């Protein structure tokens, strides 16, 4: 008989949290915590949640992800993205549990032209990236290597929540109706990753008791420009929008933002595929699967 695994899941109401809840394995007892149940900016509350529930794992899917807003709210971003996982790690060290910390490609500076390996040094260029890197450091320095898994991912999107895909569908609808073009950055390269695949990877980490630093994203590569065009085409094919807008490529310098983004942030995922026994879909195939889950307008 399979022993029940007790897990605290944070960020249950976020886009990744939604996908994780939908895919909870049958033999898991998951304590689902959203903002109403646990304030991730309160590190003492994070610690007490672990000591109260005494989980086998904490799956920390909650995060401060407003990349540009973080530049003006560094304290809050640091509390949520660094102090919270640090507090989880401290409490788990006391009770003997494990931590799955979801992290990001933004811990790298994006200056190299080949995929980043999990063991490469981090060098974030934004407040968001710096806070996620600090969260990683606190986890690594607090827990033994066998008691944590840091799972970095990239360009996360899904059928719900605030993300590039949902935003682009809205803009395709608006711009095509007004016969206007859609200008999208074409000189940042990464890999879109669906919450559906990422959620499966997270549960697989726990199933396999994977440890150390891992990278997971869907297969392939794209610029935001490529992704925007594909979203328009897939949105039309799925009947979500009637027509896609014409997408015009622009440079990062033509679209200034408060936070700097890595120019190249593909992640080397070989270690993770081997450890978890999974082979991710190409991002274009996964995009069509996500589109099938987005409600059509009535």
Protein backbone atom coordinates (compact mmCIF):
# COMPACT_ATOMS: atom_id res chain seq x y z
CA UNK A 1 0.00 0.00 0.00
CA UNK A 2 1.37 3.42 -0.97
CA UNK A 3 2.10 5.66 2.00
CA UNK A 4 0.39 9.04 1.89
CA UNK A 5 2.80 11.92 1.32
CA UNK A 6 1.97 15.16 3.12
CA UNK A 7 2.75 18.32 1.18
CA UNK A 8 2.32 22.04 1.76
CA UNK A 9 1.62 23.79 -1.54
CA UNK A 10 2.04 27.56 -1.59
CA UNK A 11 0.65 29.88 -4.27
CA UNK A 12 -2.38 27.67 -4.92
CA UNK A 13 -4.27 30.51 -6.61
CA UNK A 14 -1.49 31.47 -9.03
CA UNK A 15 -1.19 30.23 -12.60
CA UNK A 16 1.23 27.45 -11.63
CA UNK A 17 -0.73 26.71 -8.45
CA UNK A 18 -3.90 26.16 -10.47
CA UNK A 19 -2.14 23.63 -12.68
CA UNK A 20 -0.58 21.90 -9.68
CA UNK A 21 -3.95 21.55 -7.96
CA UNK A 22 -5.44 20.05 -11.13
CA UNK A 23 -2.70 17.41 -11.25
CA UNK A 24 -2.38 16.36 -7.57
CA UNK A 25 -1.47 12.63 -7.45
CA UNK A 26 -4.00 10.43 -5.66
CA UNK A 27 -1.69 9.37 -2.83
CA UNK A 28 -0.72 12.93 -1.86
CA UNK A 29 -2.29 14.83 1.03
CA UNK A 30 -1.83 18.40 -0.14
CA UNK A 31 -2.41 21.35 2.17
CA UNK A 32 -3.24 24.10 -0.31
CA UNK A 33 -2.24 27.59 0.80
CA UNK A 34 -2.92 30.82 -1.07
CA UNK A 35 -2.45 34.44 -0.03
CA UNK A 36 -5.49 34.27 2.27
CA UNK A 37 -4.04 31.31 4.16
CA UNK A 38 -0.34 32.25 4.19
CA UNK A 39 1.34 35.61 3.68
CA UNK A 40 4.66 34.75 2.04
CA UNK A 41 6.05 38.15 3.03
CA UNK A 42 5.80 37.04 6.68
CA UNK A 43 8.74 34.70 7.23
CA UNK A 44 7.67 33.77 10.75
CA UNK A 45 4.25 32.71 9.43
CA UNK A 46 6.04 30.59 6.81
CA UNK A 47 8.12 28.92 9.49
CA UNK A 48 5.11 28.28 11.72
CA UNK A 49 3.12 26.75 8.84
CA UNK A 50 5.80 24.09 8.47
CA UNK A 51 6.08 23.43 12.20
CA UNK A 52 2.28 23.18 12.50
CA UNK A 53 1.63 20.85 9.55
CA UNK A 54 4.96 18.95 9.62
CA UNK A 55 4.91 18.09 5.89
CA UNK A 56 7.12 15.66 4.04
CA UNK A 57 7.57 18.35 1.38
CA UNK A 58 6.94 22.05 0.88
CA UNK A 59 6.25 22.80 -2.78
CA UNK A 60 6.87 26.55 -2.93
CA UNK A 61 5.06 27.66 -6.08
CA UNK A 62 4.19 31.07 -4.65
CA UNK A 63 6.38 34.02 -5.64
CA UNK A 64 6.56 37.73 -6.32
CA UNK A 65 6.65 37.63 -10.13
CA UNK A 66 5.92 41.24 -11.16
CA UNK A 67 9.35 41.70 -12.76
CA UNK A 68 9.10 45.44 -13.47
CA UNK A 69 7.22 46.33 -10.28
CA UNK A 70 9.93 44.60 -8.24
CA UNK A 71 12.32 47.40 -9.21
CA UNK A 72 10.24 49.77 -7.06
CA UNK A 73 9.31 47.17 -4.41
CA UNK A 74 12.60 45.43 -3.69
CA UNK A 75 11.81 44.86 -0.02
CA UNK A 76 8.56 43.05 -0.70
CA UNK A 77 10.08 41.04 -3.54
CA UNK A 78 12.98 40.00 -1.29
CA UNK A 79 10.62 39.00 1.52
CA UNK A 80 8.50 36.77 -0.73
CA UNK A 81 11.19 35.38 -3.04
CA UNK A 82 14.06 34.98 -0.58
CA UNK A 83 13.06 35.23 3.08
CA UNK A 84 10.05 32.90 2.64
CA UNK A 85 11.96 29.97 1.11
CA UNK A 86 14.69 30.60 3.65
CA UNK A 87 12.13 30.28 6.46
CA UNK A 88 10.67 27.12 4.92
CA UNK A 89 14.17 25.66 4.71
CA UNK A 90 14.95 26.47 8.35
CA UNK A 91 11.76 24.85 9.61
CA UNK A 92 12.18 21.81 7.35
CA UNK A 93 15.69 21.33 8.70
CA UNK A 94 14.13 21.04 12.16
CA UNK A 95 11.50 18.46 11.22
CA UNK A 96 13.40 16.59 8.48
CA UNK A 97 11.22 17.50 5.49
CA UNK A 98 12.16 18.45 1.93
CA UNK A 99 11.69 21.60 -0.14
CA UNK A 100 10.90 22.04 -3.83
CA UNK A 101 11.71 25.66 -4.65
CA UNK A 102 10.52 26.85 -8.07
CA UNK A 103 12.99 29.35 -9.53
CA UNK A 104 13.70 31.17 -12.77
CA UNK A 105 15.98 31.75 -15.75
CA UNK A 106 16.22 35.36 -14.55
CA UNK A 107 18.98 34.34 -12.12
CA UNK A 108 21.31 34.44 -15.17
CA UNK A 109 22.53 37.57 -16.96
CA UNK A 110 21.72 36.28 -20.46
CA UNK A 111 25.09 37.20 -21.99
CA UNK A 112 26.13 33.74 -23.23
CA UNK A 113 24.92 32.22 -26.48
CA UNK A 114 24.30 28.64 -25.38
CA UNK A 115 21.95 27.08 -22.79
CA UNK A 116 22.67 27.65 -19.12
CA UNK A 117 23.71 24.57 -17.15
CA UNK A 118 22.26 24.11 -13.62
CA UNK A 119 25.72 24.32 -12.05
CA UNK A 120 26.72 27.64 -13.63
CA UNK A 121 27.15 30.64 -11.32
CA UNK A 122 24.15 32.95 -11.16
CA UNK A 123 24.43 36.63 -12.09
CA UNK A 124 21.02 38.34 -12.05
CA UNK A 125 20.52 41.73 -13.70
CA UNK A 126 17.15 42.69 -12.16
CA UNK A 127 15.70 42.97 -8.67
CA UNK A 128 13.38 40.05 -9.41
CA UNK A 129 16.28 37.88 -10.55
CA UNK A 130 18.37 38.92 -7.55
CA UNK A 131 15.61 38.03 -5.08
CA UNK A 132 15.09 34.61 -6.66
CA UNK A 133 18.85 33.99 -6.62
CA UNK A 134 18.97 34.94 -2.94
CA UNK A 135 16.12 32.52 -2.24
CA UNK A 136 18.14 29.78 -3.92
CA UNK A 137 21.20 30.65 -1.83
CA UNK A 138 19.30 30.52 1.46
CA UNK A 139 17.83 27.14 0.57
CA UNK A 140 21.19 25.69 -0.47
CA UNK A 141 22.96 26.97 2.64
CA UNK A 142 20.24 25.83 5.05
CA UNK A 143 19.33 22.33 3.88
CA UNK A 144 21.50 19.33 3.00
CA UNK A 145 21.73 18.76 -0.76
CA UNK A 146 19.50 15.68 -0.50
CA UNK A 147 16.72 17.68 1.17
CA UNK A 148 15.99 20.30 -1.48
CA UNK A 149 15.31 20.61 -5.18
CA UNK A 150 15.62 23.98 -6.90
CA UNK A 151 13.71 23.77 -10.16
CA UNK A 152 14.45 26.65 -12.53
CA UNK A 153 12.10 27.29 -15.42
CA UNK A 154 11.46 29.97 -18.04
CA UNK A 155 8.78 32.09 -19.71
CA UNK A 156 5.91 30.45 -17.82
CA UNK A 157 2.40 30.79 -19.21
CA UNK A 158 -0.89 28.94 -18.95
CA UNK A 159 -4.63 29.12 -19.58
CA UNK A 160 -5.31 31.20 -16.44
CA UNK A 161 -3.65 34.07 -14.63
CA UNK A 162 -1.57 36.98 -15.84
CA UNK A 163 0.95 35.89 -18.45
CA UNK A 164 2.30 36.67 -21.92
CA UNK A 165 -0.07 34.28 -23.70
CA UNK A 166 -3.24 35.67 -22.12
CA UNK A 167 -2.02 39.24 -22.74
CA UNK A 168 -1.15 38.56 -26.38
CA UNK A 169 -4.55 37.00 -27.08
CA UNK A 170 -6.19 40.19 -25.79
CA UNK A 171 -3.86 42.40 -27.84
CA UNK A 172 -4.32 40.32 -31.01
CA UNK A 173 -8.08 40.75 -30.61
CA UNK A 174 -7.80 44.51 -30.01
CA UNK A 175 -5.17 45.33 -32.62
CA UNK A 176 -6.73 43.25 -35.40
CA UNK A 177 -10.12 44.90 -34.78
CA UNK A 178 -8.47 48.33 -35.04
CA UNK A 179 -6.26 47.28 -37.99
CA UNK A 180 -3.16 48.13 -35.97
CA UNK A 181 0.15 46.31 -35.70
CA UNK A 182 1.47 44.59 -32.60
CA UNK A 183 5.09 45.46 -31.76
CA UNK A 184 6.98 42.72 -29.89
CA UNK A 185 10.60 42.34 -28.80
CA UNK A 186 12.54 39.98 -31.09
CA UNK A 187 16.05 40.04 -29.57
CA UNK A 188 15.36 38.17 -26.32
CA UNK A 189 15.62 34.39 -26.68
CA UNK A 190 14.25 31.75 -24.31
CA UNK A 191 11.74 28.93 -24.18
CA UNK A 192 8.03 29.27 -23.36
CA UNK A 193 6.99 26.74 -20.70
CA UNK A 194 3.39 25.82 -20.02
CA UNK A 195 2.11 25.55 -16.47
CA UNK A 196 0.61 22.18 -17.44
CA UNK A 197 4.03 20.66 -18.19
CA UNK A 198 5.72 22.49 -15.33
CA UNK A 199 3.14 21.19 -12.85
CA UNK A 200 3.74 17.62 -14.03
CA UNK A 201 7.49 18.15 -13.61
CA UNK A 202 7.01 19.44 -10.05
CA UNK A 203 4.99 16.38 -9.01
CA UNK A 204 7.58 14.19 -10.73
CA UNK A 205 10.34 15.80 -8.64
CA UNK A 206 8.50 14.74 -5.49
CA UNK A 207 7.68 11.28 -6.88
CA UNK A 208 11.35 10.68 -7.65
CA UNK A 209 12.65 12.57 -4.59
CA UNK A 210 14.94 14.47 -6.94
CA UNK A 211 17.45 16.76 -5.30
CA UNK A 212 19.91 19.50 -6.14
CA UNK A 213 19.49 22.12 -8.86
CA UNK A 214 17.48 21.22 -11.95
CA UNK A 215 16.27 23.03 -15.06
CA UNK A 216 12.92 22.36 -16.71
CA UNK A 217 11.29 24.02 -19.68
CA UNK A 218 9.46 22.93 -22.80
CA UNK A 219 11.58 21.98 -25.82
CA UNK A 220 12.77 24.37 -28.51
CA UNK A 221 13.60 28.07 -28.52
CA UNK A 222 11.83 31.30 -29.40
CA UNK A 223 11.92 35.06 -29.20
CA UNK A 224 8.96 36.92 -27.71
CA UNK A 225 8.20 37.92 -31.34
CA UNK A 226 8.08 34.25 -32.41
CA UNK A 227 5.90 33.41 -29.42
CA UNK A 228 3.50 36.30 -30.16
CA UNK A 229 3.01 35.16 -33.75
CA UNK A 230 2.43 31.57 -32.66
CA UNK A 231 -0.11 32.70 -30.04
CA UNK A 232 -2.06 34.58 -32.69
CA UNK A 233 -2.09 31.60 -35.06
CA UNK A 234 -3.01 29.15 -32.29
CA UNK A 235 -5.69 31.49 -30.95
CA UNK A 236 -7.37 31.64 -34.37
CA UNK A 237 -7.10 27.87 -34.84
CA UNK A 238 -8.69 27.30 -31.41
CA UNK A 239 -11.52 29.75 -32.09
CA UNK A 240 -10.51 32.06 -29.23
CA UNK A 241 -9.90 35.05 -31.51
CA UNK A 242 -11.32 35.69 -34.97
CA UNK A 243 -8.18 37.16 -36.46
CA UNK A 244 -4.57 37.71 -35.42
CA UNK A 245 -2.87 41.07 -35.69
CA UNK A 246 0.24 41.67 -37.76
CA UNK A 247 3.24 41.34 -35.43
CA UNK A 248 6.21 43.64 -36.01
CA UNK A 249 9.63 42.77 -34.52
CA UNK A 250 11.36 45.43 -32.41
CA UNK A 251 14.53 45.56 -30.31
CA UNK A 252 14.74 45.64 -26.53
CA UNK A 253 16.00 49.23 -26.76
CA UNK A 254 12.78 50.20 -28.56
CA UNK A 255 10.69 48.87 -25.66
CA UNK A 256 12.38 50.10 -22.45
CA UNK A 257 11.18 48.56 -19.19
CA UNK A 258 12.11 49.29 -15.55
CA UNK A 259 13.75 45.85 -15.21
CA UNK A 260 16.46 44.47 -17.46
CA UNK A 261 15.72 41.07 -19.07
CA UNK A 262 18.27 38.43 -20.04
CA UNK A 263 18.93 38.57 -23.77
CA UNK A 264 19.38 34.80 -23.90
CA UNK A 265 18.08 32.47 -21.21
CA UNK A 266 17.69 28.97 -22.64
CA UNK A 267 18.12 26.34 -19.93
CA UNK A 268 20.05 23.07 -20.29
CA UNK A 269 17.57 20.40 -19.10
CA UNK A 270 19.41 17.12 -19.75
CA UNK A 271 19.98 16.38 -16.06
CA UNK A 272 16.29 16.86 -15.26
CA UNK A 273 15.02 14.76 -18.15
CA UNK A 274 17.26 11.92 -17.01
CA UNK A 275 16.38 12.24 -13.32
CA UNK A 276 12.63 12.44 -13.88
CA UNK A 277 12.34 10.23 -16.95
CA UNK A 278 10.43 12.87 -18.91
CA UNK A 279 10.71 14.30 -22.42
CA UNK A 280 9.02 17.73 -22.71
CA UNK A 281 6.85 18.67 -25.67
CA UNK A 282 8.07 21.30 -28.10
CA UNK A 283 6.65 24.63 -26.96
CA UNK A 284 4.52 24.99 -30.12
CA UNK A 285 2.78 21.68 -29.46
CA UNK A 286 2.26 22.59 -25.83
CA UNK A 287 0.82 25.96 -26.86
CA UNK A 288 -1.99 24.22 -28.75
CA UNK A 289 -2.73 22.10 -25.66
CA UNK A 290 -2.94 25.23 -23.50
CA UNK A 291 -5.19 26.94 -26.06
CA UNK A 292 -7.66 24.05 -25.84
CA UNK A 293 -8.09 24.88 -22.15
CA UNK A 294 -8.82 28.59 -22.65
CA UNK A 295 -12.58 29.31 -22.78
CA UNK A 296 -13.86 30.54 -26.12
CA UNK A 297 -15.65 33.92 -26.02
CA UNK A 298 -19.44 33.71 -25.99
